[in-house]
Full PDB file with SEQRES, HELIX, SHEET, SSBOND, CRYST1, ORIGX, SCALE, CONECT and MASTER records, all heavy atoms in Angstrom:
SEQRES   1 A   42  ILE PHE SER LEU ASN ILE GLY ASP CYS LEU THR LYS ALA          
SEQRES   2 A   42  PRO PHE ARG ASN ASP ALA ILE SER ARG SER LEU THR GLU          
SEQRES   3 A   42  GLU SER LEU LEU THR ILE LEU GLN GLU MET ALA LYS ARG          
SEQRES   4 A   42  GLY ARG ILE                                                  
HELIX    1 AA1 ILE A    6  CYS A    9  1                                   4    
HELIX    2 AA2 ASP A   18  ILE A   20  5                                   3    
HELIX    3 AA3 GLU A   26  LYS A   38  1                                  13    
SHEET    1 AA1 2 ARG A  16  ASN A  17  0                                        
SHEET    2 AA1 2 ARG A  22  SER A  23 -1                                        
CRYST1    1.000    1.000    1.000  90.00  90.00  90.00 P 1           1          
ORIGX1      1.000000  0.000000  0.000000        0.00000                         
ORIGX2      0.000000  1.000000  0.000000        0.00000                         
ORIGX3      0.000000  0.000000  1.000000        0.00000                         
SCALE1      1.000000  0.000000  0.000000        0.00000                         
SCALE2      0.000000  1.000000  0.000000        0.00000                         
SCALE3      0.000000  0.000000  1.000000        0.00000                         
ATOM      1  N   ILE A   1      -3.399   7.222  11.509  1.00  0.00           N  
ATOM      2  CA  ILE A   1      -4.010   7.180  10.187  1.00  0.00           C  
ATOM      3  C   ILE A   1      -5.151   6.170  10.245  1.00  0.00           C  
ATOM      4  O   ILE A   1      -4.963   5.034  10.673  1.00  0.00           O  
ATOM      5  CB  ILE A   1      -2.985   6.774   9.113  1.00  0.00           C  
ATOM      6  CG1 ILE A   1      -1.893   7.842   8.996  1.00  0.00           C  
ATOM      7  CG2 ILE A   1      -3.665   6.544   7.762  1.00  0.00           C  
ATOM      8  CD1 ILE A   1      -0.708   7.408   8.149  1.00  0.00           C  
ATOM      9  N   PHE A   2      -6.341   6.588   9.811  1.00  0.00           N  
ATOM     10  CA  PHE A   2      -7.517   5.736   9.924  1.00  0.00           C  
ATOM     11  C   PHE A   2      -8.057   5.274   8.571  1.00  0.00           C  
ATOM     12  O   PHE A   2      -8.941   4.410   8.527  1.00  0.00           O  
ATOM     13  CB  PHE A   2      -8.627   6.464  10.681  1.00  0.00           C  
ATOM     14  CG  PHE A   2      -8.226   6.853  12.083  1.00  0.00           C  
ATOM     15  CD1 PHE A   2      -7.804   8.144  12.369  1.00  0.00           C  
ATOM     16  CD2 PHE A   2      -8.245   5.920  13.109  1.00  0.00           C  
ATOM     17  CE1 PHE A   2      -7.424   8.499  13.657  1.00  0.00           C  
ATOM     18  CE2 PHE A   2      -7.867   6.268  14.401  1.00  0.00           C  
ATOM     19  CZ  PHE A   2      -7.456   7.560  14.674  1.00  0.00           C  
ATOM     20  N   SER A   3      -7.560   5.845   7.497  1.00  0.00           N  
ATOM     21  CA  SER A   3      -7.995   5.413   6.169  1.00  0.00           C  
ATOM     22  C   SER A   3      -6.845   5.595   5.180  1.00  0.00           C  
ATOM     23  O   SER A   3      -5.945   6.405   5.399  1.00  0.00           O  
ATOM     24  CB  SER A   3      -9.221   6.207   5.707  1.00  0.00           C  
ATOM     25  OG  SER A   3      -8.905   7.568   5.513  1.00  0.00           O  
ATOM     26  N   LEU A   4      -6.892   4.825   4.116  1.00  0.00           N  
ATOM     27  CA  LEU A   4      -5.879   4.893   3.072  1.00  0.00           C  
ATOM     28  C   LEU A   4      -6.554   5.086   1.725  1.00  0.00           C  
ATOM     29  O   LEU A   4      -7.569   4.430   1.437  1.00  0.00           O  
ATOM     30  CB  LEU A   4      -5.041   3.615   3.033  1.00  0.00           C  
ATOM     31  CG  LEU A   4      -4.177   3.301   4.259  1.00  0.00           C  
ATOM     32  CD1 LEU A   4      -3.548   1.918   4.102  1.00  0.00           C  
ATOM     33  CD2 LEU A   4      -3.105   4.364   4.462  1.00  0.00           C  
ATOM     34  N   ASN A   5      -5.985   5.962   0.914  1.00  0.00           N  
ATOM     35  CA  ASN A   5      -6.429   6.152  -0.452  1.00  0.00           C  
ATOM     36  C   ASN A   5      -5.364   5.554  -1.372  1.00  0.00           C  
ATOM     37  O   ASN A   5      -4.185   5.891  -1.256  1.00  0.00           O  
ATOM     38  CB  ASN A   5      -6.626   7.640  -0.761  1.00  0.00           C  
ATOM     39  CG  ASN A   5      -7.097   7.875  -2.175  1.00  0.00           C  
ATOM     40  OD1 ASN A   5      -6.312   7.811  -3.129  1.00  0.00           O  
ATOM     41  ND2 ASN A   5      -8.372   8.148  -2.339  1.00  0.00           N  
ATOM     42  N   ILE A   6      -5.781   4.661  -2.248  1.00  0.00           N  
ATOM     43  CA  ILE A   6      -4.824   3.921  -3.079  1.00  0.00           C  
ATOM     44  C   ILE A   6      -3.911   4.849  -3.864  1.00  0.00           C  
ATOM     45  O   ILE A   6      -2.688   4.690  -3.875  1.00  0.00           O  
ATOM     46  CB  ILE A   6      -5.561   2.979  -4.054  1.00  0.00           C  
ATOM     47  CG1 ILE A   6      -6.424   1.976  -3.283  1.00  0.00           C  
ATOM     48  CG2 ILE A   6      -4.554   2.233  -4.942  1.00  0.00           C  
ATOM     49  CD1 ILE A   6      -5.672   1.087  -2.360  1.00  0.00           C  
ATOM     50  N   GLY A   7      -4.492   5.849  -4.516  1.00  0.00           N  
ATOM     51  CA  GLY A   7      -3.690   6.740  -5.337  1.00  0.00           C  
ATOM     52  C   GLY A   7      -2.649   7.507  -4.537  1.00  0.00           C  
ATOM     53  O   GLY A   7      -1.512   7.679  -4.968  1.00  0.00           O  
ATOM     54  N   ASP A   8      -3.037   7.945  -3.339  1.00  0.00           N  
ATOM     55  CA  ASP A   8      -2.106   8.710  -2.496  1.00  0.00           C  
ATOM     56  C   ASP A   8      -1.022   7.820  -1.902  1.00  0.00           C  
ATOM     57  O   ASP A   8       0.122   8.249  -1.738  1.00  0.00           O  
ATOM     58  CB  ASP A   8      -2.873   9.396  -1.359  1.00  0.00           C  
ATOM     59  CG  ASP A   8      -3.810  10.478  -1.869  1.00  0.00           C  
ATOM     60  OD1 ASP A   8      -3.591  10.954  -2.996  1.00  0.00           O  
ATOM     61  OD2 ASP A   8      -4.759  10.828  -1.148  1.00  0.00           O  
ATOM     62  N   CYS A   9      -1.378   6.597  -1.560  1.00  0.00           N  
ATOM     63  CA  CYS A   9      -0.454   5.683  -0.869  1.00  0.00           C  
ATOM     64  C   CYS A   9       0.820   5.407  -1.655  1.00  0.00           C  
ATOM     65  O   CYS A   9       1.906   5.318  -1.086  1.00  0.00           O  
ATOM     66  CB  CYS A   9      -1.133   4.344  -0.604  1.00  0.00           C  
ATOM     67  SG  CYS A   9      -2.304   4.372   0.728  1.00  0.00           S  
ATOM     68  N   LEU A  10       0.677   5.252  -2.940  1.00  0.00           N  
ATOM     69  CA  LEU A  10       1.775   4.736  -3.754  1.00  0.00           C  
ATOM     70  C   LEU A  10       2.981   5.660  -3.816  1.00  0.00           C  
ATOM     71  O   LEU A  10       4.064   5.241  -4.185  1.00  0.00           O  
ATOM     72  CB  LEU A  10       1.267   4.440  -5.172  1.00  0.00           C  
ATOM     73  CG  LEU A  10       0.233   3.310  -5.256  1.00  0.00           C  
ATOM     74  CD1 LEU A  10      -0.358   3.245  -6.654  1.00  0.00           C  
ATOM     75  CD2 LEU A  10       0.867   1.974  -4.879  1.00  0.00           C  
ATOM     76  N   THR A  11       2.800   6.910  -3.438  1.00  0.00           N  
ATOM     77  CA  THR A  11       3.903   7.864  -3.506  1.00  0.00           C  
ATOM     78  C   THR A  11       4.540   8.134  -2.144  1.00  0.00           C  
ATOM     79  O   THR A  11       5.418   8.985  -2.039  1.00  0.00           O  
ATOM     80  CB  THR A  11       3.401   9.207  -4.087  1.00  0.00           C  
ATOM     81  OG1 THR A  11       2.397   9.760  -3.221  1.00  0.00           O  
ATOM     82  CG2 THR A  11       2.819   9.007  -5.477  1.00  0.00           C  
ATOM     83  N   LYS A  12       4.091   7.410  -1.112  1.00  0.00           N  
ATOM     84  CA  LYS A  12       4.539   7.706   0.248  1.00  0.00           C  
ATOM     85  C   LYS A  12       5.016   6.443   0.953  1.00  0.00           C  
ATOM     86  O   LYS A  12       4.688   5.323   0.569  1.00  0.00           O  
ATOM     87  CB  LYS A  12       3.377   8.311   1.054  1.00  0.00           C  
ATOM     88  CG  LYS A  12       2.785   9.579   0.450  1.00  0.00           C  
ATOM     89  CD  LYS A  12       1.554  10.013   1.234  1.00  0.00           C  
ATOM     90  CE  LYS A  12       0.897  11.231   0.606  1.00  0.00           C  
ATOM     91  NZ  LYS A  12      -0.351  11.601   1.297  1.00  0.00           N  
ATOM     92  N   ALA A  13       5.777   6.665   2.045  1.00  0.00           N  
ATOM     93  CA  ALA A  13       6.119   5.557   2.943  1.00  0.00           C  
ATOM     94  C   ALA A  13       4.838   5.090   3.633  1.00  0.00           C  
ATOM     95  O   ALA A  13       3.921   5.874   3.830  1.00  0.00           O  
ATOM     96  CB  ALA A  13       7.118   6.054   3.989  1.00  0.00           C  
ATOM     97  N   PRO A  14       4.765   3.801   3.959  1.00  0.00           N  
ATOM     98  CA  PRO A  14       5.792   2.766   3.802  1.00  0.00           C  
ATOM     99  C   PRO A  14       5.728   2.037   2.462  1.00  0.00           C  
ATOM    100  O   PRO A  14       6.357   1.002   2.295  1.00  0.00           O  
ATOM    101  CB  PRO A  14       5.439   1.801   4.941  1.00  0.00           C  
ATOM    102  CG  PRO A  14       3.943   1.867   5.017  1.00  0.00           C  
ATOM    103  CD  PRO A  14       3.589   3.311   4.723  1.00  0.00           C  
ATOM    104  N   PHE A  15       4.974   2.580   1.520  1.00  0.00           N  
ATOM    105  CA  PHE A  15       4.745   1.876   0.259  1.00  0.00           C  
ATOM    106  C   PHE A  15       5.784   2.219  -0.806  1.00  0.00           C  
ATOM    107  O   PHE A  15       5.787   1.632  -1.887  1.00  0.00           O  
ATOM    108  CB  PHE A  15       3.339   2.188  -0.261  1.00  0.00           C  
ATOM    109  CG  PHE A  15       2.287   1.981   0.781  1.00  0.00           C  
ATOM    110  CD1 PHE A  15       1.707   3.066   1.432  1.00  0.00           C  
ATOM    111  CD2 PHE A  15       1.894   0.707   1.144  1.00  0.00           C  
ATOM    112  CE1 PHE A  15       0.751   2.879   2.413  1.00  0.00           C  
ATOM    113  CE2 PHE A  15       0.941   0.503   2.119  1.00  0.00           C  
ATOM    114  CZ  PHE A  15       0.374   1.589   2.762  1.00  0.00           C  
ATOM    115  N   ARG A  16       6.670   3.155  -0.499  1.00  0.00           N  
ATOM    116  CA  ARG A  16       7.686   3.588  -1.447  1.00  0.00           C  
ATOM    117  C   ARG A  16       8.977   3.867  -0.694  1.00  0.00           C  
ATOM    118  O   ARG A  16       8.955   4.469   0.383  1.00  0.00           O  
ATOM    119  CB  ARG A  16       7.213   4.853  -2.161  1.00  0.00           C  
ATOM    120  CG  ARG A  16       8.190   5.429  -3.183  1.00  0.00           C  
ATOM    121  CD  ARG A  16       7.660   6.760  -3.694  1.00  0.00           C  
ATOM    122  NE  ARG A  16       8.544   7.337  -4.703  1.00  0.00           N  
ATOM    123  CZ  ARG A  16       8.376   7.200  -6.013  1.00  0.00           C  
ATOM    124  NH1 ARG A  16       7.359   6.511  -6.470  1.00  0.00           N  
ATOM    125  NH2 ARG A  16       9.210   7.757  -6.867  1.00  0.00           N  
ATOM    126  N   ASN A  17      10.098   3.427  -1.248  1.00  0.00           N  
ATOM    127  CA  ASN A  17      11.404   3.690  -0.643  1.00  0.00           C  
ATOM    128  C   ASN A  17      12.342   4.184  -1.742  1.00  0.00           C  
ATOM    129  O   ASN A  17      12.911   3.401  -2.507  1.00  0.00           O  
ATOM    130  CB  ASN A  17      11.971   2.434   0.018  1.00  0.00           C  
ATOM    131  CG  ASN A  17      13.255   2.714   0.767  1.00  0.00           C  
ATOM    132  OD1 ASN A  17      13.862   3.770   0.604  1.00  0.00           O  
ATOM    133  ND2 ASN A  17      13.694   1.759   1.582  1.00  0.00           N  
ATOM    134  N   ASP A  18      12.498   5.492  -1.813  1.00  0.00           N  
ATOM    135  CA  ASP A  18      13.337   6.085  -2.856  1.00  0.00           C  
ATOM    136  C   ASP A  18      14.814   5.737  -2.681  1.00  0.00           C  
ATOM    137  O   ASP A  18      15.571   5.725  -3.653  1.00  0.00           O  
ATOM    138  CB  ASP A  18      13.168   7.607  -2.862  1.00  0.00           C  
ATOM    139  CG  ASP A  18      11.802   8.028  -3.381  1.00  0.00           C  
ATOM    140  OD1 ASP A  18      11.241   7.281  -4.210  1.00  0.00           O  
ATOM    141  OD2 ASP A  18      11.299   9.081  -2.953  1.00  0.00           O  
ATOM    142  N   ALA A  19      15.210   5.445  -1.437  1.00  0.00           N  
ATOM    143  CA  ALA A  19      16.623   5.144  -1.176  1.00  0.00           C  
ATOM    144  C   ALA A  19      17.084   3.890  -1.898  1.00  0.00           C  
ATOM    145  O   ALA A  19      18.263   3.754  -2.249  1.00  0.00           O  
ATOM    146  CB  ALA A  19      16.857   5.003   0.330  1.00  0.00           C  
ATOM    147  N   ILE A  20      16.169   2.955  -2.123  1.00  0.00           N  
ATOM    148  CA  ILE A  20      16.520   1.725  -2.840  1.00  0.00           C  
ATOM    149  C   ILE A  20      15.767   1.635  -4.172  1.00  0.00           C  
ATOM    150  O   ILE A  20      15.749   0.575  -4.802  1.00  0.00           O  
ATOM    151  CB  ILE A  20      16.263   0.467  -1.982  1.00  0.00           C  
ATOM    152  CG1 ILE A  20      14.785   0.363  -1.590  1.00  0.00           C  
ATOM    153  CG2 ILE A  20      17.150   0.458  -0.747  1.00  0.00           C  
ATOM    154  CD1 ILE A  20      14.417  -0.958  -0.924  1.00  0.00           C  
ATOM    155  N   SER A  21      15.117   2.729  -4.544  1.00  0.00           N  
ATOM    156  CA  SER A  21      14.380   2.795  -5.819  1.00  0.00           C  
ATOM    157  C   SER A  21      13.346   1.679  -5.939  1.00  0.00           C  
ATOM    158  O   SER A  21      13.260   0.990  -6.958  1.00  0.00           O  
ATOM    159  CB  SER A  21      15.355   2.734  -7.012  1.00  0.00           C  
ATOM    160  OG  SER A  21      16.275   3.802  -6.950  1.00  0.00           O  
ATOM    161  N   ARG A  22      12.564   1.517  -4.875  1.00  0.00           N  
ATOM    162  CA  ARG A  22      11.528   0.489  -4.866  1.00  0.00           C  
ATOM    163  C   ARG A  22      10.201   1.090  -4.390  1.00  0.00           C  
ATOM    164  O   ARG A  22      10.180   1.961  -3.522  1.00  0.00           O  
ATOM    165  CB  ARG A  22      11.897  -0.676  -3.945  1.00  0.00           C  
ATOM    166  CG  ARG A  22      13.038  -1.543  -4.440  1.00  0.00           C  
ATOM    167  CD  ARG A  22      12.636  -2.339  -5.682  1.00  0.00           C  
ATOM    168  NE  ARG A  22      13.659  -3.291  -6.080  1.00  0.00           N  
ATOM    169  CZ  ARG A  22      14.706  -3.003  -6.844  1.00  0.00           C  
ATOM    170  NH1 ARG A  22      14.866  -1.758  -7.291  1.00  0.00           N  
ATOM    171  NH2 ARG A  22      15.586  -3.923  -7.171  1.00  0.00           N  
ATOM    172  N   SER A  23       9.114   0.597  -4.982  1.00  0.00           N  
ATOM    173  CA  SER A  23       7.776   0.970  -4.527  1.00  0.00           C  
ATOM    174  C   SER A  23       6.816  -0.126  -4.936  1.00  0.00           C  
ATOM    175  O   SER A  23       7.077  -0.890  -5.878  1.00  0.00           O  
ATOM    176  CB  SER A  23       7.337   2.314  -5.127  1.00  0.00           C  
ATOM    177  OG  SER A  23       7.212   2.205  -6.530  1.00  0.00           O  
ATOM    178  N   LEU A  24       5.733  -0.224  -4.220  1.00  0.00           N  
ATOM    179  CA  LEU A  24       4.682  -1.157  -4.606  1.00  0.00           C  
ATOM    180  C   LEU A  24       3.973  -0.636  -5.845  1.00  0.00           C  
ATOM    181  O   LEU A  24       3.807   0.570  -6.014  1.00  0.00           O  
ATOM    182  CB  LEU A  24       3.656  -1.304  -3.475  1.00  0.00           C  
ATOM    183  CG  LEU A  24       4.089  -2.037  -2.210  1.00  0.00           C  
ATOM    184  CD1 LEU A  24       2.990  -1.951  -1.153  1.00  0.00           C  
ATOM    185  CD2 LEU A  24       4.416  -3.498  -2.507  1.00  0.00           C  
ATOM    186  N   THR A  25       3.551  -1.545  -6.699  1.00  0.00           N  
ATOM    187  CA  THR A  25       2.651  -1.162  -7.781  1.00  0.00           C  
ATOM    188  C   THR A  25       1.231  -1.117  -7.223  1.00  0.00           C  
ATOM    189  O   THR A  25       0.958  -1.625  -6.121  1.00  0.00           O  
ATOM    190  CB  THR A  25       2.701  -2.190  -8.925  1.00  0.00           C  
ATOM    191  OG1 THR A  25       2.218  -3.452  -8.428  1.00  0.00           O  
ATOM    192  CG2 THR A  25       4.117  -2.349  -9.449  1.00  0.00           C  
ATOM    193  N   GLU A  26       0.342  -0.514  -7.966  1.00  0.00           N  
ATOM    194  CA  GLU A  26      -1.060  -0.493  -7.525  1.00  0.00           C  
ATOM    195  C   GLU A  26      -1.592  -1.914  -7.362  1.00  0.00           C  
ATOM    196  O   GLU A  26      -2.288  -2.224  -6.404  1.00  0.00           O  
ATOM    197  CB  GLU A  26      -1.918   0.287  -8.529  1.00  0.00           C  
ATOM    198  CG  GLU A  26      -3.386   0.356  -8.118  1.00  0.00           C  
ATOM    199  CD  GLU A  26      -4.219   1.199  -9.068  1.00  0.00           C  
ATOM    200  OE1 GLU A  26      -3.643   1.871  -9.932  1.00  0.00           O  
ATOM    201  OE2 GLU A  26      -5.451   1.166  -8.934  1.00  0.00           O  
ATOM    202  N   GLU A  27      -1.217  -2.774  -8.290  1.00  0.00           N  
ATOM    203  CA  GLU A  27      -1.680  -4.169  -8.229  1.00  0.00           C  
ATOM    204  C   GLU A  27      -1.155  -4.861  -6.972  1.00  0.00           C  
ATOM    205  O   GLU A  27      -1.892  -5.601  -6.301  1.00  0.00           O  
ATOM    206  CB  GLU A  27      -1.212  -4.915  -9.478  1.00  0.00           C  
ATOM    207  CG  GLU A  27      -1.992  -6.191  -9.774  1.00  0.00           C  
ATOM    208  CD  GLU A  27      -3.419  -5.906 -10.215  1.00  0.00           C  
ATOM    209  OE1 GLU A  27      -3.646  -4.922 -10.931  1.00  0.00           O  
ATOM    210  OE2 GLU A  27      -4.293  -6.693  -9.816  1.00  0.00           O  
ATOM    211  N   SER A  28       0.110  -4.620  -6.639  1.00  0.00           N  
ATOM    212  CA  SER A  28       0.696  -5.242  -5.445  1.00  0.00           C  
ATOM    213  C   SER A  28       0.036  -4.722  -4.177  1.00  0.00           C  
ATOM    214  O   SER A  28      -0.261  -5.487  -3.251  1.00  0.00           O  
ATOM    215  CB  SER A  28       2.203  -4.971  -5.392  1.00  0.00           C  
ATOM    216  OG  SER A  28       2.854  -5.564  -6.488  1.00  0.00           O  
ATOM    217  N   LEU A  29      -0.206  -3.409  -4.113  1.00  0.00           N  
ATOM    218  CA  LEU A  29      -0.857  -2.840  -2.940  1.00  0.00           C  
ATOM    219  C   LEU A  29      -2.260  -3.398  -2.772  1.00  0.00           C  
ATOM    220  O   LEU A  29      -2.680  -3.733  -1.664  1.00  0.00           O  
ATOM    221  CB  LEU A  29      -0.902  -1.311  -3.058  1.00  0.00           C  
ATOM    222  CG  LEU A  29      -1.595  -0.572  -1.909  1.00  0.00           C  
ATOM    223  CD1 LEU A  29      -1.001  -0.932  -0.556  1.00  0.00           C  
ATOM    224  CD2 LEU A  29      -1.541   0.932  -2.141  1.00  0.00           C  
ATOM    225  N   LEU A  30      -2.984  -3.537  -3.880  1.00  0.00           N  
ATOM    226  CA  LEU A  30      -4.326  -4.109  -3.808  1.00  0.00           C  
ATOM    227  C   LEU A  30      -4.281  -5.546  -3.313  1.00  0.00           C  
ATOM    228  O   LEU A  30      -5.144  -5.975  -2.536  1.00  0.00           O  
ATOM    229  CB  LEU A  30      -5.014  -4.025  -5.173  1.00  0.00           C  
ATOM    230  CG  LEU A  30      -5.482  -2.628  -5.596  1.00  0.00           C  
ATOM    231  CD1 LEU A  30      -5.899  -2.629  -7.067  1.00  0.00           C  
ATOM    232  CD2 LEU A  30      -6.634  -2.160  -4.721  1.00  0.00           C  
ATOM    233  N   THR A  31      -3.279  -6.303  -3.745  1.00  0.00           N  
ATOM    234  CA  THR A  31      -3.131  -7.688  -3.271  1.00  0.00           C  
ATOM    235  C   THR A  31      -2.951  -7.724  -1.761  1.00  0.00           C  
ATOM    236  O   THR A  31      -3.570  -8.532  -1.062  1.00  0.00           O  
ATOM    237  CB  THR A  31      -1.926  -8.355  -3.954  1.00  0.00           C  
ATOM    238  OG1 THR A  31      -2.168  -8.439  -5.366  1.00  0.00           O  
ATOM    239  CG2 THR A  31      -1.679  -9.754  -3.404  1.00  0.00           C  
ATOM    240  N   ILE A  32      -2.116  -6.830  -1.240  1.00  0.00           N  
ATOM    241  CA  ILE A  32      -1.870  -6.769   0.205  1.00  0.00           C  
ATOM    242  C   ILE A  32      -3.132  -6.352   0.945  1.00  0.00           C  
ATOM    243  O   ILE A  32      -3.509  -6.966   1.963  1.00  0.00           O  
ATOM    244  CB  ILE A  32      -0.718  -5.785   0.499  1.00  0.00           C  
ATOM    245  CG1 ILE A  32       0.602  -6.330  -0.061  1.00  0.00           C  
ATOM    246  CG2 ILE A  32      -0.591  -5.525   2.001  1.00  0.00           C  
ATOM    247  CD1 ILE A  32       1.702  -5.296  -0.159  1.00  0.00           C  
ATOM    248  N   LEU A  33      -3.811  -5.335   0.439  1.00  0.00           N  
ATOM    249  CA  LEU A  33      -5.009  -4.847   1.116  1.00  0.00           C  
ATOM    250  C   LEU A  33      -6.152  -5.860   1.056  1.00  0.00           C  
ATOM    251  O   LEU A  33      -6.937  -5.984   2.001  1.00  0.00           O  
ATOM    252  CB  LEU A  33      -5.441  -3.506   0.520  1.00  0.00           C  
ATOM    253  CG  LEU A  33      -4.470  -2.335   0.768  1.00  0.00           C  
ATOM    254  CD1 LEU A  33      -4.973  -1.075   0.072  1.00  0.00           C  
ATOM    255  CD2 LEU A  33      -4.292  -2.081   2.260  1.00  0.00           C  
ATOM    256  N   GLN A  34      -6.228  -6.605  -0.037  1.00  0.00           N  
ATOM    257  CA  GLN A  34      -7.237  -7.662  -0.122  1.00  0.00           C  
ATOM    258  C   GLN A  34      -6.987  -8.720   0.950  1.00  0.00           C  
ATOM    259  O   GLN A  34      -7.926  -9.241   1.568  1.00  0.00           O  
ATOM    260  CB  GLN A  34      -7.230  -8.284  -1.516  1.00  0.00           C  
ATOM    261  CG  GLN A  34      -7.865  -7.394  -2.578  1.00  0.00           C  
ATOM    262  CD  GLN A  34      -7.601  -7.887  -3.987  1.00  0.00           C  
ATOM    263  OE1 GLN A  34      -6.791  -8.778  -4.216  1.00  0.00           O  
ATOM    264  NE2 GLN A  34      -8.266  -7.280  -4.950  1.00  0.00           N  
ATOM    265  N   GLU A  35      -5.723  -9.039   1.181  1.00  0.00           N  
ATOM    266  CA  GLU A  35      -5.384  -9.996   2.235  1.00  0.00           C  
ATOM    267  C   GLU A  35      -5.732  -9.422   3.603  1.00  0.00           C  
ATOM    268  O   GLU A  35      -6.253 -10.133   4.471  1.00  0.00           O  
ATOM    269  CB  GLU A  35      -3.896 -10.339   2.168  1.00  0.00           C  
ATOM    270  CG  GLU A  35      -3.421 -11.291   3.261  1.00  0.00           C  
ATOM    271  CD  GLU A  35      -4.113 -12.638   3.233  1.00  0.00           C  
ATOM    272  OE1 GLU A  35      -4.500 -13.099   2.139  1.00  0.00           O  
ATOM    273  OE2 GLU A  35      -4.287 -13.236   4.318  1.00  0.00           O  
ATOM    274  N   MET A  36      -5.454  -8.136   3.813  1.00  0.00           N  
ATOM    275  CA  MET A  36      -5.791  -7.498   5.079  1.00  0.00           C  
ATOM    276  C   MET A  36      -7.305  -7.469   5.295  1.00  0.00           C  
ATOM    277  O   MET A  36      -7.783  -7.597   6.427  1.00  0.00           O  
ATOM    278  CB  MET A  36      -5.210  -6.087   5.134  1.00  0.00           C  
ATOM    279  CG  MET A  36      -3.691  -6.059   5.230  1.00  0.00           C  
ATOM    280  SD  MET A  36      -3.010  -4.384   5.278  1.00  0.00           S  
ATOM    281  CE  MET A  36      -3.595  -3.825   6.891  1.00  0.00           C  
ATOM    282  N   ALA A  37      -8.062  -7.315   4.212  1.00  0.00           N  
ATOM    283  CA  ALA A  37      -9.523  -7.344   4.319  1.00  0.00           C  
ATOM    284  C   ALA A  37      -9.996  -8.722   4.783  1.00  0.00           C  
ATOM    285  O   ALA A  37     -10.898  -8.838   5.620  1.00  0.00           O  
ATOM    286  CB  ALA A  37     -10.159  -6.974   2.980  1.00  0.00           C  
ATOM    287  N   LYS A  38      -9.373  -9.779   4.259  1.00  0.00           N  
ATOM    288  CA  LYS A  38      -9.724 -11.138   4.683  1.00  0.00           C  
ATOM    289  C   LYS A  38      -9.455 -11.338   6.172  1.00  0.00           C  
ATOM    290  O   LYS A  38     -10.136 -12.104   6.845  1.00  0.00           O  
ATOM    291  CB  LYS A  38      -8.925 -12.169   3.879  1.00  0.00           C  
ATOM    292  CG  LYS A  38      -9.290 -12.243   2.405  1.00  0.00           C  
ATOM    293  CD  LYS A  38      -8.380 -13.239   1.685  1.00  0.00           C  
ATOM    294  CE  LYS A  38      -8.648 -13.263   0.189  1.00  0.00           C  
ATOM    295  NZ  LYS A  38      -7.715 -14.178  -0.518  1.00  0.00           N  
ATOM    296  N   ARG A  39      -8.439 -10.637   6.682  1.00  0.00           N  
ATOM    297  CA  ARG A  39      -8.064 -10.764   8.094  1.00  0.00           C  
ATOM    298  C   ARG A  39      -8.844  -9.801   8.999  1.00  0.00           C  
ATOM    299  O   ARG A  39      -8.614  -9.770  10.200  1.00  0.00           O  
ATOM    300  CB  ARG A  39      -6.563 -10.509   8.257  1.00  0.00           C  
ATOM    301  CG  ARG A  39      -5.690 -11.459   7.446  1.00  0.00           C  
ATOM    302  CD  ARG A  39      -4.220 -11.180   7.661  1.00  0.00           C  
ATOM    303  NE  ARG A  39      -3.378 -12.019   6.801  1.00  0.00           N  
ATOM    304  CZ  ARG A  39      -2.072 -12.193   6.969  1.00  0.00           C  
ATOM    305  NH1 ARG A  39      -1.449 -11.569   7.965  1.00  0.00           N  
ATOM    306  NH2 ARG A  39      -1.381 -12.966   6.160  1.00  0.00           N  
ATOM    307  N   GLY A  40      -9.736  -9.015   8.399  1.00  0.00           N  
ATOM    308  CA  GLY A  40     -10.532  -8.084   9.177  1.00  0.00           C  
ATOM    309  C   GLY A  40      -9.773  -6.849   9.616  1.00  0.00           C  
ATOM    310  O   GLY A  40     -10.167  -6.182  10.573  1.00  0.00           O  
ATOM    311  N   ARG A  41      -8.692  -6.512   8.895  1.00  0.00           N  
ATOM    312  CA  ARG A  41      -7.860  -5.375   9.295  1.00  0.00           C  
ATOM    313  C   ARG A  41      -8.073  -4.121   8.445  1.00  0.00           C  
ATOM    314  O   ARG A  41      -7.586  -3.052   8.818  1.00  0.00           O  
ATOM    315  CB  ARG A  41      -6.383  -5.783   9.265  1.00  0.00           C  
ATOM    316  CG  ARG A  41      -6.001  -6.681  10.433  1.00  0.00           C  
ATOM    317  CD  ARG A  41      -6.166  -5.929  11.739  1.00  0.00           C  
ATOM    318  NE  ARG A  41      -5.872  -6.732  12.913  1.00  0.00           N  
ATOM    319  CZ  ARG A  41      -5.853  -6.247  14.146  1.00  0.00           C  
ATOM    320  NH1 ARG A  41      -6.134  -4.982  14.356  1.00  0.00           N  
ATOM    321  NH2 ARG A  41      -5.588  -7.028  15.156  1.00  0.00           N  
ATOM    322  N   ILE A  42      -8.756  -4.257   7.329  1.00  0.00           N  
ATOM    323  CA  ILE A  42      -9.207  -3.083   6.586  1.00  0.00           C  
ATOM    324  C   ILE A  42     -10.609  -3.384   6.081  1.00  0.00           C  
ATOM    325  O   ILE A  42     -11.049  -4.539   6.039  1.00  0.00           O  
ATOM    326  CB  ILE A  42      -8.284  -2.694   5.401  1.00  0.00           C  
ATOM    327  CG1 ILE A  42      -8.292  -3.760   4.287  1.00  0.00           C  
ATOM    328  CG2 ILE A  42      -6.869  -2.423   5.873  1.00  0.00           C  
ATOM    329  CD1 ILE A  42      -9.051  -3.378   3.060  1.00  0.00           C  
TER     330      ILE A  42                                                      
MASTER        0    0    0    3    2    0    0    6  329    1    0    4          
END                                                                             
């Protein structure tokens, strides 16, 4: 996978785990990706 779309990500692994009824919110995913941008990874 070479690119991520925010809207698509939130409904799929690894950003969602239906077995434990947990998923990242859009705000949480953006926080993670912003950190990855600072590290030069996105």
